[in-house]
Structure formats: structure tokens, C-alpha cells
Amino acid sequence: MKLTFLGTGTSHGIPVVTCNCAVCCSANPCDCRLRTSALLEDNDGHNLLFDIGPDFRQQMLRHKVGHIDAILVTHAHRDHVAGIDDIRPFNYVQQQKMQVYLNSLAQSILQRDYHYIFGPHDYPGLPEADLHVVEPYVAFEAAGNKVMPIALMHKDMPVLGYRIGGVAYITDASFIPEQSMEHLHGLKVLVINALRKEKHWSHFCLDEALSVIERLRPERAFITHISHEMGLHADVQHTLPHNVFLAHDNLTVKID
């Protein structure tokens, strides 16, 4: 398996418009972050996309992605779903609807906000997608892979993480229920969000994410959904445990 971080920033991205802080002005490519998304390629060449944010088109062009077999939506905030309109080229090339997996809340939001896609219409050329509602802890198959949805909370909003084999992807979480913790042991790679060093009302801060990592003890852990308030990539990475990494855009991780 191969995991590619397409974007590792928050809803603002980095650099933030109008901001002149050290991170936003950094010349280090690791400090330039598109909105959070990742691509998991399995050993048979299937591509599973975690979230489809507003930078989706740019991310697909940057990485020359030729096909997507499934999209796993964590939740329906715009920085995680606003690229849905740009699945059209994949519809044309693959000659089929995109398969999208999500919880019932995300389904209702997408159907409301993108009614021109999911409502009755006779306009040709619109994006085409099948929405599949999944339940926490009920495994399903996507592109030949067993996927386990994991219940998380984003303040008061129920969101999903996903486990596929030895890989788990968690973003925009501020709380992980005990039952979900039980599904996150024995990981080769854990991806988890941490917005900044200071505590935040709806996202893990760095210390909270590190506490989860310490408890679960994955072989490797990668921090994502990072704001400019976290600090410079090089400075923060220097402070992390040996098996914990501040993810950055275009980072590729191979998983046995």
C-alpha cells in the first residue's frame, strides 16, 4: 500500500490569505499546505480518496491521478467536500458514477448543498455519484478493500475515521469514543489531526494527538490538518517522538 498526503492544512490552507506570519511566509515547501486530503493506493492499484476538498482539482493534476475507485468522506464541512463538482472528468474516463461513502449526516448535507447533483435533473454533464451511507463499526467493501468506519466527534458533530488494514485515517476529531479506540490498535500507520499547540474547541491540539498516539502505539503516526499556528514544520518536527511525523503535502508513505 501507498499513502500520499494530497493536502495537510486546515480550512484556510497555508499560506493564509492576508497573513504575514513566519509560517505563511516560509520558503520551505513543507510549510505550504493545501486543504486536507489523502490518497491510498492498494497493492492492486485501486485508489481510495479520503475527502474531496476545494483543492481537489489541483491535487489531482499535481499527482497525475488517472482514476479514483472510491471516496471516503469523513464529514461534510466544505473544506472536506467542496471538490465534489470536479469528479466529472473521472466520470467521463471511468464511464461510471463515483462511489462515495459517508455517514447519514454528511449525506443529508451533500444532498442539500449540492442539490443540482443529487436531486432530480435532466441537465447533461453534471457530476455523477452514488452515495452509500455507512455505520460506525460496520465494515464494508470499497474497491476490493475491507473498510472499517470509526465513530469520532468533531465537537458536537459526529464524523467518521476509517481503518483499512493497518492504516487508520482520522481528521477533524476532538474526541475518540472508547469503542473506537478498541478498533485502532495494531496499526502500522495512524494519521491523526492536530490543529495547533494550544487547545482548540473542535480539533485535537498537538498534545492531545500525541496522547492518543502514545496510547495506541502505532508503528508510525502522521499529524495532519495543521494550521499556521502550529509553527514552522522544521521546528515542530524536531520536538516529536521518533515515530511521529508532521505530515506535509506530497509526502508518500509506503506500508507493508
Protein backbone atom coordinates (compact mmCIF):
# COMPACT_ATOMS: atom_id res chain seq x y z
CA MET A 1 0.00 0.00 0.00
CA LYS A 2 1.00 3.61 -0.53
CA LEU A 3 -0.48 6.64 1.22
CA THR A 4 0.02 10.08 -0.33
CA PHE A 5 -0.81 13.25 1.56
CA LEU A 6 -2.51 15.48 -1.02
CA GLY A 7 -3.17 18.26 1.49
CA THR A 8 -2.37 18.70 5.18
CA GLY A 9 -3.76 22.15 6.00
CA THR A 10 -6.89 23.44 7.67
CA SER A 11 -9.84 25.16 6.02
CA HIS A 12 -7.70 28.27 5.40
CA GLY A 13 -4.77 26.40 3.90
CA ILE A 14 -1.23 27.76 4.25
CA PRO A 15 -0.27 30.43 3.39
CA VAL A 16 -3.39 32.04 4.79
CA VAL A 17 -4.73 34.90 2.71
CA THR A 18 -3.65 38.27 4.23
CA CYS A 19 -1.28 36.63 6.76
CA ASN A 20 2.40 37.59 7.01
CA CYS A 21 3.45 35.28 9.84
CA ALA A 22 6.68 33.27 9.63
CA VAL A 23 4.86 30.10 8.56
CA CYS A 24 2.84 31.78 5.82
CA CYS A 25 5.99 33.48 4.51
CA SER A 26 8.17 30.37 4.78
CA ALA A 27 10.17 29.25 1.74
CA ASN A 28 10.09 25.63 2.97
CA PRO A 29 7.67 23.64 0.76
CA CYS A 30 6.67 21.65 3.86
CA ASP A 31 5.03 24.81 5.23
CA CYS A 32 2.78 25.25 2.17
CA ARG A 33 -0.40 23.27 2.80
CA LEU A 34 -3.50 22.65 0.69
CA ARG A 35 -6.75 21.59 2.36
CA THR A 36 -6.61 18.15 3.98
CA SER A 37 -6.98 15.05 1.83
CA ALA A 38 -5.05 11.82 1.21
CA LEU A 39 -4.93 9.07 -1.40
CA LEU A 40 -4.46 5.40 -0.50
CA GLU A 41 -3.31 3.12 -3.32
CA ASP A 42 -3.67 -0.59 -2.56
CA ASN A 43 -1.48 -3.38 -3.90
CA ASP A 44 -3.85 -3.97 -6.82
CA GLY A 45 -3.69 -0.35 -7.98
CA HIS A 46 -7.08 0.77 -6.60
CA ASN A 47 -7.20 4.39 -5.44
CA LEU A 48 -9.25 5.34 -2.37
CA LEU A 49 -9.55 9.04 -1.64
CA PHE A 50 -10.02 10.42 1.87
CA ASP A 51 -12.16 13.56 1.48
CA ILE A 52 -12.56 15.77 -1.57
CA GLY A 53 -11.93 19.37 -0.59
CA PRO A 54 -11.75 22.61 -2.56
CA ASP A 55 -8.17 21.89 -3.73
CA PHE A 56 -9.15 18.53 -5.25
CA ARG A 57 -8.61 19.55 -8.88
CA GLN A 58 -5.17 20.99 -8.13
CA GLN A 59 -4.22 17.90 -6.13
CA MET A 60 -5.27 15.53 -8.92
CA LEU A 61 -3.26 17.47 -11.50
CA ARG A 62 -0.23 17.72 -9.22
CA HIS A 63 -0.11 13.95 -8.67
CA LYS A 64 -1.34 12.94 -12.13
CA VAL A 65 -4.10 10.76 -10.68
CA GLY A 66 -5.76 8.86 -13.54
CA HIS A 67 -8.57 7.16 -11.66
CA ILE A 68 -10.38 7.08 -8.33
CA ASP A 69 -12.23 3.96 -7.26
CA ALA A 70 -13.90 5.27 -4.09
CA ILE A 71 -14.17 8.39 -1.94
CA LEU A 72 -14.33 8.05 1.84
CA VAL A 73 -15.87 11.20 3.33
CA THR A 74 -15.09 11.97 6.96
CA HIS A 75 -17.70 14.75 7.23
CA ALA A 76 -19.39 17.38 5.09
CA HIS A 77 -17.66 20.61 6.08
CA ARG A 78 -16.77 22.48 2.90
CA ASP A 79 -13.01 22.06 3.27
CA HIS A 80 -13.63 18.30 3.01
CA VAL A 81 -16.29 18.05 0.27
CA ALA A 82 -16.21 21.22 -1.85
CA GLY A 83 -14.36 19.48 -4.69
CA ILE A 84 -17.27 17.15 -5.46
CA ASP A 85 -18.12 19.03 -8.66
CA ASP A 86 -14.71 18.14 -10.09
CA ILE A 87 -15.33 14.40 -10.23
CA ARG A 88 -16.76 14.92 -13.72
CA PRO A 89 -13.53 14.09 -15.61
CA PHE A 90 -13.34 10.80 -13.68
CA ASN A 91 -16.96 10.07 -14.61
CA TYR A 92 -16.06 10.58 -18.27
CA VAL A 93 -12.88 8.49 -18.21
CA GLN A 94 -14.21 5.69 -15.99
CA GLN A 95 -17.66 5.69 -17.60
CA GLN A 96 -19.38 5.19 -14.27
CA LYS A 97 -20.65 7.01 -11.23
CA MET A 98 -18.23 7.80 -8.43
CA GLN A 99 -18.73 5.65 -5.33
CA VAL A 100 -18.88 7.84 -2.22
CA TYR A 101 -19.08 6.52 1.34
CA LEU A 102 -20.22 8.71 4.24
CA ASN A 103 -22.46 8.90 7.30
CA SER A 104 -26.13 9.89 7.18
CA LEU A 105 -25.46 13.47 8.32
CA ALA A 106 -22.93 14.03 5.56
CA GLN A 107 -25.35 12.52 3.06
CA SER A 108 -28.12 14.94 4.01
CA ILE A 109 -25.75 17.93 3.81
CA LEU A 110 -24.42 16.94 0.39
CA GLN A 111 -27.92 16.36 -0.95
CA ARG A 112 -28.96 19.79 0.31
CA ASP A 113 -25.90 21.82 -0.67
CA TYR A 114 -25.32 20.07 -4.00
CA HIS A 115 -28.96 19.55 -4.92
CA TYR A 116 -28.14 20.06 -8.59
CA ILE A 117 -26.06 16.85 -8.43
CA PHE A 118 -28.20 14.67 -6.21
CA GLY A 119 -31.71 15.93 -6.91
CA PRO A 120 -33.91 15.19 -9.94
CA HIS A 121 -32.46 16.81 -13.05
CA ASP A 122 -32.24 16.37 -16.79
CA TYR A 123 -29.19 18.57 -17.35
CA PRO A 124 -26.39 16.66 -19.15
CA GLY A 125 -22.79 16.74 -17.95
CA LEU A 126 -23.38 17.02 -14.21
CA PRO A 127 -21.19 15.09 -11.76
CA GLU A 128 -22.44 11.60 -11.09
CA ALA A 129 -22.04 9.88 -7.73
CA ASP A 130 -23.65 7.11 -5.73
CA LEU A 131 -23.85 7.95 -2.03
CA HIS A 132 -23.51 4.96 0.30
CA VAL A 133 -24.40 5.57 3.95
CA VAL A 134 -22.17 3.57 6.30
CA GLU A 135 -22.44 2.97 10.03
CA PRO A 136 -19.65 3.07 12.61
CA TYR A 137 -18.08 -0.32 13.31
CA VAL A 138 -19.91 -1.99 10.42
CA ALA A 139 -17.27 -2.93 7.88
CA PHE A 140 -17.96 -2.53 4.17
CA GLU A 141 -16.09 -3.18 0.95
CA ALA A 142 -14.79 -0.39 -1.27
CA ALA A 143 -12.75 -1.13 -4.37
CA GLY A 144 -11.97 -4.60 -3.06
CA ASN A 145 -10.82 -3.35 0.35
CA LYS A 146 -12.41 -4.02 3.72
CA VAL A 147 -13.07 -0.64 5.30
CA MET A 148 -14.00 -0.12 8.95
CA PRO A 149 -15.74 3.20 9.73
CA ILE A 150 -14.74 4.61 13.11
CA ALA A 151 -17.01 6.95 15.11
CA LEU A 152 -15.43 10.27 16.16
CA MET A 153 -16.67 13.61 17.41
CA HIS A 154 -15.81 17.00 15.91
CA LYS A 155 -17.07 18.97 18.90
CA ASP A 156 -20.83 18.15 18.67
CA MET A 157 -20.69 16.79 15.12
CA PRO A 158 -20.44 13.03 14.51
CA VAL A 159 -17.72 12.35 11.95
CA LEU A 160 -16.00 9.24 10.65
CA GLY A 161 -12.49 7.95 10.63
CA TYR A 162 -11.57 4.93 8.52
CA ARG A 163 -9.37 1.89 9.03
CA ILE A 164 -8.13 -0.15 6.08
CA GLY A 165 -5.83 -2.96 7.07
CA GLY A 166 -3.03 -1.49 9.14
CA VAL A 167 -3.83 2.11 8.21
CA ALA A 168 -6.23 4.43 10.04
CA TYR A 169 -7.18 7.95 8.94
CA ILE A 170 -8.60 10.41 11.48
CA THR A 171 -9.15 14.10 10.87
CA ASP A 172 -11.15 16.94 12.43
CA ALA A 173 -11.61 14.95 15.62
CA SER A 174 -11.76 16.40 19.12
CA PHE A 175 -12.85 13.17 20.86
CA ILE A 176 -12.47 9.45 20.19
CA PRO A 177 -15.01 7.21 21.97
CA GLU A 178 -13.70 4.21 23.85
CA GLN A 179 -15.34 1.80 21.41
CA SER A 180 -13.46 3.48 18.57
CA MET A 181 -10.17 3.18 20.45
CA GLU A 182 -10.69 -0.58 20.50
CA HIS A 183 -10.64 -0.61 16.69
CA LEU A 184 -7.40 1.35 16.45
CA HIS A 185 -4.85 -1.00 17.98
CA GLY A 186 -2.16 -2.81 16.00
CA LEU A 187 -1.74 -0.08 13.38
CA LYS A 188 1.23 0.28 11.09
CA VAL A 189 0.25 3.86 10.25
CA LEU A 190 -2.05 6.24 12.14
CA VAL A 191 -2.98 9.57 10.57
CA ILE A 192 -4.47 11.98 13.11
CA ASN A 193 -5.31 15.66 13.17
CA ALA A 194 -3.68 18.31 15.35
CA LEU A 195 -4.57 21.92 14.60
CA ARG A 196 -2.00 23.73 16.72
CA LYS A 197 -0.13 23.55 20.03
CA GLU A 198 -2.77 25.44 22.02
CA LYS A 199 -6.03 23.69 22.93
CA HIS A 200 -8.90 24.16 20.46
CA TRP A 201 -12.65 23.75 20.93
CA SER A 202 -13.28 21.37 17.99
CA HIS A 203 -9.94 19.84 16.99
CA PHE A 204 -7.21 17.98 18.77
CA CYS A 205 -4.24 20.11 19.71
CA LEU A 206 -0.74 18.64 19.40
CA ASP A 207 -0.51 17.32 22.96
CA GLU A 208 -3.92 15.65 22.67
CA ALA A 209 -2.96 13.95 19.43
CA LEU A 210 0.32 12.79 20.97
CA SER A 211 -1.59 11.34 23.92
CA VAL A 212 -3.76 9.30 21.54
CA ILE A 213 -0.64 8.13 19.69
CA GLU A 214 1.06 7.15 22.93
CA ARG A 215 -1.94 5.08 23.96
CA LEU A 216 -2.47 3.34 20.61
CA ARG A 217 1.25 2.83 19.87
CA PRO A 218 1.15 2.58 16.06
CA GLU A 219 4.41 1.79 14.30
CA ARG A 220 4.30 5.28 12.76
CA ALA A 221 1.99 8.26 13.21
CA PHE A 222 1.48 11.28 10.98
CA ILE A 223 -0.08 14.58 12.05
CA THR A 224 -2.38 16.32 9.57
CA HIS A 225 -4.96 19.15 9.35
CA ILE A 226 -2.35 21.64 10.55
CA SER A 227 -2.81 25.40 10.89
CA HIS A 228 -0.21 28.12 10.62
CA GLU A 229 -0.49 28.48 14.39
CA MET A 230 1.34 25.16 14.80
CA GLY A 231 4.65 26.80 13.88
CA LEU A 232 7.32 26.06 11.31
CA HIS A 233 7.44 22.45 10.13
CA ALA A 234 11.15 22.02 10.86
CA ASP A 235 10.85 23.45 14.38
CA VAL A 236 7.87 21.28 15.34
CA GLN A 237 9.24 18.07 13.82
CA HIS A 238 12.36 18.41 15.97
CA THR A 239 10.21 18.13 19.13
CA LEU A 240 8.24 14.99 18.18
CA PRO A 241 8.88 11.37 19.22
CA HIS A 242 10.98 9.31 16.84
CA ASN A 243 7.99 7.58 15.21
CA VAL A 244 5.74 10.65 14.92
CA PHE A 245 5.93 12.91 11.90
CA LEU A 246 4.38 16.22 10.95
CA ALA A 247 2.89 15.30 7.58
CA HIS A 248 3.31 17.68 4.68
CA ASP A 249 1.79 17.95 1.22
CA ASN A 250 3.17 15.43 -1.32
CA LEU A 251 4.58 13.15 1.39
CA THR A 252 4.27 9.49 0.33
CA VAL A 253 4.31 6.70 2.89
CA LYS A 254 4.75 3.06 1.91
CA ILE A 255 3.02 0.46 4.08
CA ASP A 256 3.96 -3.23 4.03
